[in-house]
Protein backbone atom coordinates (compact mmCIF):
# COMPACT_ATOMS: atom_id res chain seq x y z
CA UNK A 1 54.18 -72.24 14.50
CA UNK A 2 55.41 -71.84 17.80
CA UNK A 3 52.52 -69.75 20.21
CA UNK A 4 53.25 -68.35 23.70
CA UNK A 5 50.72 -67.98 26.55
CA UNK A 6 51.77 -65.63 29.03
CA UNK A 7 49.30 -65.79 31.88
CA UNK A 8 48.36 -69.51 30.88
CA UNK A 9 47.82 -70.89 34.82
CA UNK A 10 43.85 -69.02 34.46
CA UNK A 11 42.20 -72.11 34.36
CA UNK A 12 39.91 -69.96 32.09
CA UNK A 13 42.44 -68.15 29.73
CA UNK A 14 44.62 -71.29 29.90
CA UNK A 15 42.01 -73.81 29.15
CA UNK A 16 39.82 -71.36 26.37
CA UNK A 17 42.76 -70.11 24.65
CA UNK A 18 43.96 -73.93 24.35
CA UNK A 19 40.43 -75.47 23.04
CA UNK A 20 40.72 -72.23 20.41
CA UNK A 21 44.51 -73.40 19.29
CA UNK A 22 43.42 -77.27 18.96
CA UNK A 23 40.22 -76.45 16.80
CA UNK A 24 42.50 -74.73 14.36
CA UNK A 25 44.25 -77.34 11.42
CA UNK A 26 46.15 -74.53 10.68
CA UNK A 27 47.57 -74.87 13.29
CA UNK A 28 47.74 -78.46 13.58
CA UNK A 29 51.55 -79.45 14.70
CA UNK A 30 52.18 -76.36 16.30
CA UNK A 31 53.97 -75.63 19.55
CA UNK A 32 52.60 -74.22 22.49
CA UNK A 33 54.61 -72.75 25.34
CA UNK A 34 52.46 -72.41 28.92
CA UNK A 35 53.96 -69.40 31.05
CA UNK A 36 52.95 -68.11 34.57
CA UNK A 37 54.38 -67.62 37.94
CA UNK A 38 52.49 -70.09 39.71
CA UNK A 39 53.73 -73.33 39.05
CA UNK A 40 50.93 -75.16 40.57
CA UNK A 41 48.92 -73.84 38.59
CA UNK A 42 50.59 -73.82 35.36
CA UNK A 43 50.99 -77.46 35.92
CA UNK A 44 47.69 -77.82 36.16
CA UNK A 45 46.93 -76.30 32.58
CA UNK A 46 49.85 -77.84 31.53
CA UNK A 47 48.66 -81.72 32.35
CA UNK A 48 44.87 -81.00 31.59
CA UNK A 49 46.16 -79.89 27.61
CA UNK A 50 48.43 -83.22 27.60
CA UNK A 51 45.75 -85.14 28.76
CA UNK A 52 43.17 -83.83 26.04
CA UNK A 53 45.98 -83.88 23.17
CA UNK A 54 46.24 -87.78 24.07
CA UNK A 55 42.64 -88.56 24.24
CA UNK A 56 41.53 -86.79 20.91
CA UNK A 57 45.02 -87.57 19.13
CA UNK A 58 45.75 -83.68 18.42
CA UNK A 59 49.21 -82.80 16.90
CA UNK A 60 50.18 -80.39 19.13
CA UNK A 61 53.03 -80.21 21.84
CA UNK A 62 52.75 -78.53 25.20
CA UNK A 63 55.64 -77.36 27.52
CA UNK A 64 55.26 -75.02 30.90
CA UNK A 65 57.35 -72.38 31.26
CA UNK A 66 58.35 -69.63 34.85
CA UNK A 67 61.16 -68.50 32.73
CA UNK A 68 59.20 -66.38 30.40
CA UNK A 69 62.01 -65.21 28.50
CA UNK A 70 62.66 -68.94 27.80
CA UNK A 71 59.47 -70.31 26.28
CA UNK A 72 59.48 -66.59 24.15
CA UNK A 73 62.69 -67.71 22.04
CA UNK A 74 61.61 -68.18 18.49
CA UNK A 75 57.96 -67.32 19.22
CA UNK A 76 55.55 -66.91 16.18
CA UNK A 77 52.14 -65.91 18.13
CA UNK A 78 51.99 -64.23 21.87
CA UNK A 79 48.36 -64.00 23.88
CA UNK A 80 49.00 -61.79 26.95
CA UNK A 81 46.15 -62.49 29.68
CA UNK A 82 47.81 -61.37 32.71
CA UNK A 83 46.71 -59.52 36.34
CA UNK A 84 48.72 -58.78 39.18
CA UNK A 85 47.91 -59.32 43.20
CA UNK A 86 44.18 -60.10 44.42
CA UNK A 87 42.52 -59.29 41.63
CA UNK A 88 39.08 -58.54 43.50
CA UNK A 89 40.69 -56.70 46.05
CA UNK A 90 42.53 -54.41 44.22
CA UNK A 91 39.64 -53.66 41.84
CA UNK A 92 37.44 -52.87 45.07
CA UNK A 93 40.26 -50.58 46.25
CA UNK A 94 40.15 -49.15 42.89
CA UNK A 95 36.72 -48.57 42.77
CA UNK A 96 35.78 -47.49 46.77
CA UNK A 97 38.90 -45.21 48.11
CA UNK A 98 38.57 -42.86 45.01
CA UNK A 99 34.40 -42.73 46.52
CA UNK A 100 36.10 -41.84 49.52
CA UNK A 101 37.76 -38.39 48.23
CA UNK A 102 33.93 -37.51 46.77
CA UNK A 103 34.98 -39.46 43.34
CA UNK A 104 31.98 -40.83 41.89
CA UNK A 105 32.63 -44.13 39.69
CA UNK A 106 29.62 -46.61 38.22
CA UNK A 107 32.82 -49.38 38.09
CA UNK A 108 36.27 -48.85 38.67
CA UNK A 109 37.97 -51.13 36.09
CA UNK A 110 39.14 -49.23 32.91
CA UNK A 111 37.84 -45.72 33.17
CA UNK A 112 37.56 -43.31 35.76
CA UNK A 113 40.34 -43.05 38.89
CA UNK A 114 39.93 -47.07 38.79
CA UNK A 115 41.16 -47.31 35.56
CA UNK A 116 44.09 -45.14 35.86
CA UNK A 117 45.60 -46.97 38.99
CA UNK A 118 44.77 -50.44 37.45
CA UNK A 119 46.81 -49.34 34.27
CA UNK A 120 49.26 -48.26 36.33
CA UNK A 121 49.82 -51.30 38.55
CA UNK A 122 49.25 -53.54 35.03
CA UNK A 123 51.14 -51.46 32.06
CA UNK A 124 54.50 -51.93 34.09
CA UNK A 125 54.56 -55.62 33.68
CA UNK A 126 53.29 -55.76 30.20
CA UNK A 127 55.87 -53.49 28.89
CA UNK A 128 58.29 -56.08 30.42
CA UNK A 129 57.19 -58.72 28.25
CA UNK A 130 57.71 -56.49 25.66
CA UNK A 131 60.82 -55.65 25.97
CA UNK A 132 61.63 -59.39 25.89
CA UNK A 133 59.80 -60.28 23.04
CA UNK A 134 61.33 -57.31 21.38
CA UNK A 135 64.97 -59.11 22.46
CA UNK A 136 64.13 -62.55 21.82
CA UNK A 137 60.73 -62.84 19.03
CA UNK A 138 60.72 -59.33 17.34
CA UNK A 139 59.08 -60.29 14.66
CA UNK A 140 56.42 -62.05 16.33
CA UNK A 141 52.57 -60.56 16.24
CA UNK A 142 50.99 -59.99 20.17
CA UNK A 143 47.91 -59.86 21.46
CA UNK A 144 46.60 -58.64 24.44
CA UNK A 145 43.52 -59.62 26.80
CA UNK A 146 44.27 -57.40 29.49
CA UNK A 147 42.60 -54.41 30.48
CA UNK A 148 42.61 -51.71 30.47
CA UNK A 149 42.80 -52.04 27.12
CA UNK A 150 43.38 -48.63 25.53
CA UNK A 151 46.04 -47.19 28.45
CA UNK A 152 47.68 -50.93 27.65
CA UNK A 153 47.58 -50.41 23.67
CA UNK A 154 48.85 -46.51 24.44
CA UNK A 155 51.36 -47.19 26.22
CA UNK A 156 52.91 -50.12 24.09
CA UNK A 157 52.80 -48.74 21.19
CA UNK A 158 54.33 -45.35 22.13
CA UNK A 159 57.76 -47.47 23.93
CA UNK A 160 58.08 -50.10 21.04
CA UNK A 161 56.19 -48.43 18.13
CA UNK A 162 56.98 -50.84 15.47
CA UNK A 163 56.15 -53.64 17.44
CA UNK A 164 53.10 -55.50 15.66
CA UNK A 165 51.13 -55.43 19.46
CA UNK A 166 47.06 -55.92 18.99
CA UNK A 167 44.64 -55.38 21.48
CA UNK A 168 41.36 -57.76 21.70
CA UNK A 169 38.13 -57.52 23.27
CA UNK A 170 35.07 -59.42 23.29
CA UNK A 171 32.38 -56.59 23.34
CA UNK A 172 31.68 -56.37 19.98
CA UNK A 173 30.27 -59.84 20.46
CA UNK A 174 26.96 -58.04 22.36
CA UNK A 175 26.26 -57.14 18.59
CA UNK A 176 25.55 -60.64 17.59
CA UNK A 177 24.43 -61.41 20.94
CA UNK A 178 21.15 -58.96 20.56
CA UNK A 179 20.52 -56.97 16.77
CA UNK A 180 19.68 -60.50 15.29
CA UNK A 181 16.13 -60.39 18.50
CA UNK A 182 15.97 -56.70 17.77
CA UNK A 183 15.36 -57.18 14.08
CA UNK A 184 14.02 -60.14 13.66
CA UNK A 185 16.84 -61.34 11.07
CA UNK A 186 20.26 -63.55 11.02
CA UNK A 187 23.54 -62.27 12.09
CA UNK A 188 24.76 -63.00 9.27
CA UNK A 189 22.35 -60.96 6.88
CA UNK A 190 23.84 -57.96 9.34
CA UNK A 191 26.88 -55.83 7.48
CA UNK A 192 28.08 -53.81 11.16
CA UNK A 193 30.46 -51.65 12.01
CA UNK A 194 31.44 -50.04 15.02
CA UNK A 195 34.09 -47.62 16.49
CA UNK A 196 35.64 -46.04 19.43
CA UNK A 197 37.84 -46.37 22.13
CA UNK A 198 37.88 -49.72 23.44
CA UNK A 199 34.67 -50.23 26.33
CA UNK A 200 33.80 -46.78 25.30
CA UNK A 201 32.64 -47.64 21.11
CA UNK A 202 29.53 -47.08 19.72
CA UNK A 203 28.14 -48.99 16.01
CA UNK A 204 28.34 -46.21 13.51
CA UNK A 205 26.67 -48.05 10.67
CA UNK A 206 23.92 -51.02 10.17
CA UNK A 207 22.82 -52.22 6.95
CA UNK A 208 20.94 -55.12 6.10
CA UNK A 209 23.47 -57.28 3.46
CA UNK A 210 20.80 -58.77 1.09
CA UNK A 211 19.01 -55.73 0.40
CA UNK A 212 21.74 -53.13 1.10
CA UNK A 213 19.16 -51.05 2.78
CA UNK A 214 20.08 -48.89 5.62
CA UNK A 215 19.36 -50.93 9.71
CA UNK A 216 20.52 -48.41 11.42
CA UNK A 217 16.48 -46.67 11.56
CA UNK A 218 15.63 -49.68 12.53
CA UNK A 219 18.05 -50.38 14.82
CA UNK A 220 17.07 -46.93 16.69
CA UNK A 221 13.25 -47.36 16.53
CA UNK A 222 13.47 -50.57 18.59
CA UNK A 223 15.90 -50.70 20.56
CA UNK A 224 14.72 -48.62 23.31
CA UNK A 225 11.84 -50.90 23.97
CA UNK A 226 14.02 -53.88 23.24
CA UNK A 227 16.82 -53.33 25.92
CA UNK A 228 13.52 -52.24 28.29
CA UNK A 229 12.71 -55.24 28.29
CA UNK A 230 15.43 -57.53 28.64
CA UNK A 231 15.44 -58.74 32.72
CA UNK A 232 18.14 -57.83 35.05
CA UNK A 233 20.31 -59.47 37.01
CA UNK A 234 18.82 -59.88 40.54
CA UNK A 235 16.47 -63.44 39.54
CA UNK A 236 19.96 -65.29 38.83
CA UNK A 237 22.16 -63.46 41.69
CA UNK A 238 19.04 -64.58 44.13
CA UNK A 239 18.95 -68.14 42.96
CA UNK A 240 22.89 -68.63 43.29
CA UNK A 241 22.90 -67.04 46.96
CA UNK A 242 19.83 -69.15 47.55
CA UNK A 243 20.90 -72.63 46.14
CA UNK A 244 24.25 -72.37 45.56
CA UNK A 245 24.36 -74.23 41.50
CA UNK A 246 24.49 -71.50 38.60
CA UNK A 247 20.97 -71.88 36.84
CA UNK A 248 20.75 -74.25 33.25
CA UNK A 249 18.96 -72.81 30.22
CA UNK A 250 18.43 -75.65 27.68
CA UNK A 251 20.24 -78.21 29.15
CA UNK A 252 23.21 -75.75 29.40
CA UNK A 253 24.32 -73.40 31.91
CA UNK A 254 23.26 -69.92 31.31
CA UNK A 255 26.61 -68.47 32.03
CA UNK A 256 28.91 -70.30 29.79
CA UNK A 257 31.78 -67.90 28.91
CA UNK A 258 32.11 -65.52 32.13
CA UNK A 259 35.03 -63.64 29.86
CA UNK A 260 32.13 -62.77 27.17
CA UNK A 261 29.22 -61.94 28.93
CA UNK A 262 27.10 -63.82 32.32
CA UNK A 263 23.94 -64.35 30.16
CA UNK A 264 22.92 -63.16 26.54
CA UNK A 265 20.11 -62.56 27.84
CA UNK A 266 21.05 -60.22 31.28
CA UNK A 267 21.22 -56.62 31.16
CA UNK A 268 23.10 -53.91 33.74
CA UNK A 269 22.90 -50.76 32.56
CA UNK A 270 19.51 -49.78 30.32
CA UNK A 271 19.25 -46.28 31.33
CA UNK A 272 22.49 -45.19 30.74
CA UNK A 273 21.97 -46.81 27.41
CA UNK A 274 18.68 -45.44 26.27
CA UNK A 275 20.42 -41.39 26.84
CA UNK A 276 23.15 -42.81 24.09
CA UNK A 277 20.85 -43.57 21.88
CA UNK A 278 18.37 -41.12 22.41
CA UNK A 279 20.72 -38.45 22.44
CA UNK A 280 23.21 -39.57 20.01
CA UNK A 281 21.44 -41.38 18.23
CA UNK A 282 23.97 -44.38 17.85
CA UNK A 283 24.45 -47.84 19.65
CA UNK A 284 27.05 -48.96 22.33
CA UNK A 285 28.64 -52.26 22.02
CA UNK A 286 29.36 -52.73 25.59
CA UNK A 287 27.47 -54.84 27.27
CA UNK A 288 28.05 -54.34 30.42
CA UNK A 289 28.49 -50.87 32.81
CA UNK A 290 32.11 -50.35 31.76
CA UNK A 291 30.84 -46.74 28.77
CA UNK A 292 29.71 -45.16 32.55
CA UNK A 293 33.74 -45.44 33.31
CA UNK A 294 34.23 -42.13 30.80
CA UNK A 295 30.91 -39.89 30.91
CA UNK A 296 31.22 -37.62 33.63
CA UNK A 297 27.20 -37.33 33.46
CA UNK A 298 26.83 -40.86 33.28
CA UNK A 299 26.50 -41.46 37.48
CA UNK A 300 23.61 -39.63 37.36
CA UNK A 301 21.97 -41.84 34.85
CA UNK A 302 23.19 -45.20 35.60
CA UNK A 303 21.34 -48.43 36.42
CA UNK A 304 23.12 -48.71 39.78
CA UNK A 305 21.85 -51.23 41.74
CA UNK A 306 21.72 -53.07 38.22
CA UNK A 307 26.01 -52.67 38.23
CA UNK A 308 25.84 -53.89 41.65
CA UNK A 309 23.94 -57.21 40.94
CA UNK A 310 26.32 -57.55 37.98
CA UNK A 311 29.06 -57.29 40.04
CA UNK A 312 28.92 -59.40 42.74
CA UNK A 313 27.01 -62.59 40.28
CA UNK A 314 30.10 -61.97 38.30
CA UNK A 315 32.43 -62.53 41.69
CA UNK A 316 30.37 -65.62 42.83
CA UNK A 317 30.08 -67.44 38.97
CA UNK A 318 34.14 -66.70 38.83
CA UNK A 319 34.18 -68.54 42.21
CA UNK A 320 31.37 -71.21 40.82
CA UNK A 321 32.59 -72.24 37.26
CA UNK A 322 34.99 -75.29 36.17
CA UNK A 323 36.59 -74.24 33.27
CA UNK A 324 37.38 -77.06 30.86
CA UNK A 325 38.86 -77.27 27.31
CA UNK A 326 36.66 -77.52 24.71
CA UNK A 327 37.00 -78.11 21.02
CA UNK A 328 35.03 -74.54 19.86
CA UNK A 329 36.39 -71.00 18.89
CA UNK A 330 35.52 -68.82 22.00
CA UNK A 331 37.79 -66.12 21.27
CA UNK A 332 38.70 -64.38 18.31
CA UNK A 333 42.23 -64.53 18.42
CA UNK A 334 43.03 -67.45 16.38
CA UNK A 335 40.58 -66.41 13.49
CA UNK A 336 42.66 -63.55 13.23
CA UNK A 337 45.72 -65.48 13.24
CA UNK A 338 44.37 -68.44 10.68
CA UNK A 339 43.73 -64.97 8.35
CA UNK A 340 47.20 -63.73 8.76
CA UNK A 341 48.33 -67.17 7.80
CA UNK A 342 45.93 -67.70 5.30
CA UNK A 343 46.25 -64.24 4.17
CA UNK A 344 42.50 -64.38 3.93
CA UNK A 345 41.61 -60.72 3.87
CA UNK A 346 38.42 -60.63 6.03
CA UNK A 347 37.49 -58.19 8.19
CA UNK A 348 37.66 -58.45 11.80
CA UNK A 349 34.93 -56.85 13.42
CA UNK A 350 37.05 -55.20 17.11
CA UNK A 351 41.08 -54.62 17.18
CA UNK A 352 42.61 -52.19 19.22
CA UNK A 353 45.57 -50.14 17.34
CA UNK A 354 47.65 -46.54 17.28
CA UNK A 355 44.87 -44.30 16.20
CA UNK A 356 47.86 -43.28 13.17
CA UNK A 357 44.47 -41.48 11.04
CA UNK A 358 42.21 -44.09 11.71
CA UNK A 359 40.16 -41.79 13.51
CA UNK A 360 40.80 -38.35 12.44
CA UNK A 361 38.88 -36.72 14.85
CA UNK A 362 40.74 -38.07 17.75
CA UNK A 363 44.45 -37.64 18.70
CA UNK A 364 46.74 -39.78 16.45
CA UNK A 365 49.09 -41.10 19.79
CA UNK A 366 46.27 -43.04 21.50
CA UNK A 367 45.37 -46.15 21.17
CA UNK A 368 40.94 -47.13 19.21
CA UNK A 369 39.23 -49.79 18.25
CA UNK A 370 37.28 -50.09 14.58
CA UNK A 371 37.05 -53.44 12.53
CA UNK A 372 40.28 -54.19 10.25
CA UNK A 373 41.42 -56.33 7.41
CA UNK A 374 43.09 -59.50 8.03
CA UNK A 375 46.61 -60.88 5.61
CA UNK A 376 49.82 -61.86 5.28
CA UNK A 377 50.75 -58.38 5.80
CA UNK A 378 49.30 -58.48 9.67
CA UNK A 379 46.53 -56.87 10.84
CA UNK A 380 45.37 -53.00 8.59
CA UNK A 381 42.32 -51.19 10.88
CA UNK A 382 40.04 -49.71 8.43
CA UNK A 383 39.02 -45.66 8.75
CA UNK A 384 36.47 -43.49 10.04
CA UNK A 385 36.71 -40.32 8.29
CA UNK A 386 33.47 -39.35 8.86
CA UNK A 387 32.90 -40.31 12.83
CA UNK A 388 30.30 -38.92 14.00
CA UNK A 389 30.95 -35.66 15.63
CA UNK A 390 28.76 -35.51 18.71
CA UNK A 391 30.32 -38.89 20.73
CA UNK A 392 34.02 -37.86 18.92
CA UNK A 393 33.55 -35.33 21.14
CA UNK A 394 32.85 -37.89 24.57
CA UNK A 395 35.97 -39.05 23.52
CA UNK A 396 37.81 -36.73 23.22
CA UNK A 397 37.54 -35.28 26.54
CA UNK A 398 39.08 -39.34 27.51
CA UNK A 399 41.95 -39.33 25.63
CA UNK A 400 43.82 -36.72 27.09
CA UNK A 401 43.51 -39.34 30.55
CA UNK A 402 45.36 -41.81 28.53
CA UNK A 403 47.71 -39.16 26.69
CA UNK A 404 48.98 -38.71 30.54
CA UNK A 405 48.27 -42.18 32.08
CA UNK A 406 51.11 -43.15 29.30
CA UNK A 407 53.31 -40.50 29.93
CA UNK A 408 53.02 -41.50 33.97
CA UNK A 409 53.95 -44.66 33.31
CA UNK A 410 56.59 -44.07 31.04
CA UNK A 411 58.24 -41.57 32.70
CA UNK A 412 57.02 -43.39 36.53
CA UNK A 413 55.77 -40.15 37.30
CA UNK A 414 53.62 -39.36 39.83
CA UNK A 415 52.55 -35.53 38.81
CA UNK A 416 51.54 -36.95 35.86
CA UNK A 417 49.50 -39.41 37.04
CA UNK A 418 47.80 -36.54 39.51
CA UNK A 419 47.16 -34.36 36.01
CA UNK A 420 45.90 -37.65 34.53
CA UNK A 421 43.30 -36.94 37.91
CA UNK A 422 42.18 -33.37 37.44
CA UNK A 423 41.31 -34.08 33.43
CA UNK A 424 39.42 -36.96 34.05
CA UNK A 425 35.86 -35.77 33.04
CA UNK A 426 34.29 -37.95 35.69
CA UNK A 427 36.19 -36.23 38.14
CA UNK A 428 34.63 -33.46 39.87
CA UNK A 429 37.32 -32.37 43.35
CA UNK A 430 40.99 -30.98 43.21
CA UNK A 431 42.40 -30.33 46.39
CA UNK A 432 42.55 -33.41 48.13
CA UNK A 433 43.70 -35.64 44.66
CA UNK A 434 47.28 -35.56 45.47
CA UNK A 435 46.39 -37.01 48.67
CA UNK A 436 44.37 -40.01 47.07
CA UNK A 437 47.45 -40.89 44.71
CA UNK A 438 49.66 -40.86 47.35
CA UNK A 439 47.15 -43.30 49.36
CA UNK A 440 47.12 -45.38 46.53
CA UNK A 441 50.82 -45.44 45.98
CA UNK A 442 50.86 -46.51 49.98
CA UNK A 443 47.81 -49.20 50.05
CA UNK A 444 48.97 -50.45 46.75
CA UNK A 445 53.20 -50.09 46.77
CA UNK A 446 54.51 -53.67 46.08
CA UNK A 447 53.15 -52.17 42.24
CA UNK A 448 52.23 -47.95 41.82
CA UNK A 449 55.88 -47.63 44.39
CA UNK A 450 57.49 -46.63 40.60
CA UNK A 451 55.98 -43.65 40.95
CA UNK A 452 58.16 -40.54 41.97
């Protein structure tokens, strides 16, 4: 096997994914090609990977490439995790500049105006990567970890409809973190299915495996009090700011996997969750405030202090953590690869694919997040013909935004970007939206200058 990691100069992604791959018996003997535009960072990951292979006597080989096309030749699997520019500086612009124009956002990464500008920046380079894959490794399966996940997956699969391109997100892991404690049963006893849009998904069904009984009534009864009693981030943020250290929990850091969550016992927006639980009788699967980026009334009910604490803690902890290579599986990509190679037929909890009827109440040409069966045939999404009507209506409010976002990128159209804002349910203004778009293009010319 040949696996290509694009964005591998990021120690968090590079070290974490190498550890996952090194843990796999299926992938022994594979070659791993590391790709990044930052040669110094790439070299550090390569040397650490080679040292780890030698120290543990592992059967893997590694190479490093700043020339992406050289690395992609003959690849079987490609894993993408990239950002462009100064990550937090650009995110702050995405969040704060629309606020100056009268558009409130609970967060600015995946939905709302911030999500649009993020997508307009990052999707074009991912399309370039996919163009190279189409030419150099057309049979490869491509996994994407970059956000905004739905915008990326929708746009890529519109341009390359036959490409085996799958979006993966760890938000589904929240169910394993919370439901066992909430229900008082091991996670293995629960059969769960969630679906929706990425970061905008809910638990659709839940049952106890041993009895077959419906677990959702217990979830709805216990969830409000459970989440109400979870602590926020203020204490842990104060500890870091005061001591300059990451707190320890049972001999380990309280934040082992920043990409997943900062702590399994912290909470950033219980208020919005309460509204979804009470009004729609559904449990969101997101770990944080992302779901509020898509809903027009979320700003009214959001826990703004919790969201700001989370954001400050996330930034601070990334500066302090030193990623290492560990022989344990942290992300889902390697189990999926093993499922394909081993023709296992197992059910993966959440993948992002083009809808194509998987959730019939949503447009076919927008990506959705659903469970899937994994086999030698690839990844086959599981359909939800009876998806909850109320939440489907919320999702439909946003699918038009993704439709226009994809078309704005593919057509390089400023007008369509403006329309994507004007149809966005969280945008309450009109007259100054064109000026907002012009301002963002001016501030982010290097990435948004292609819009005409």
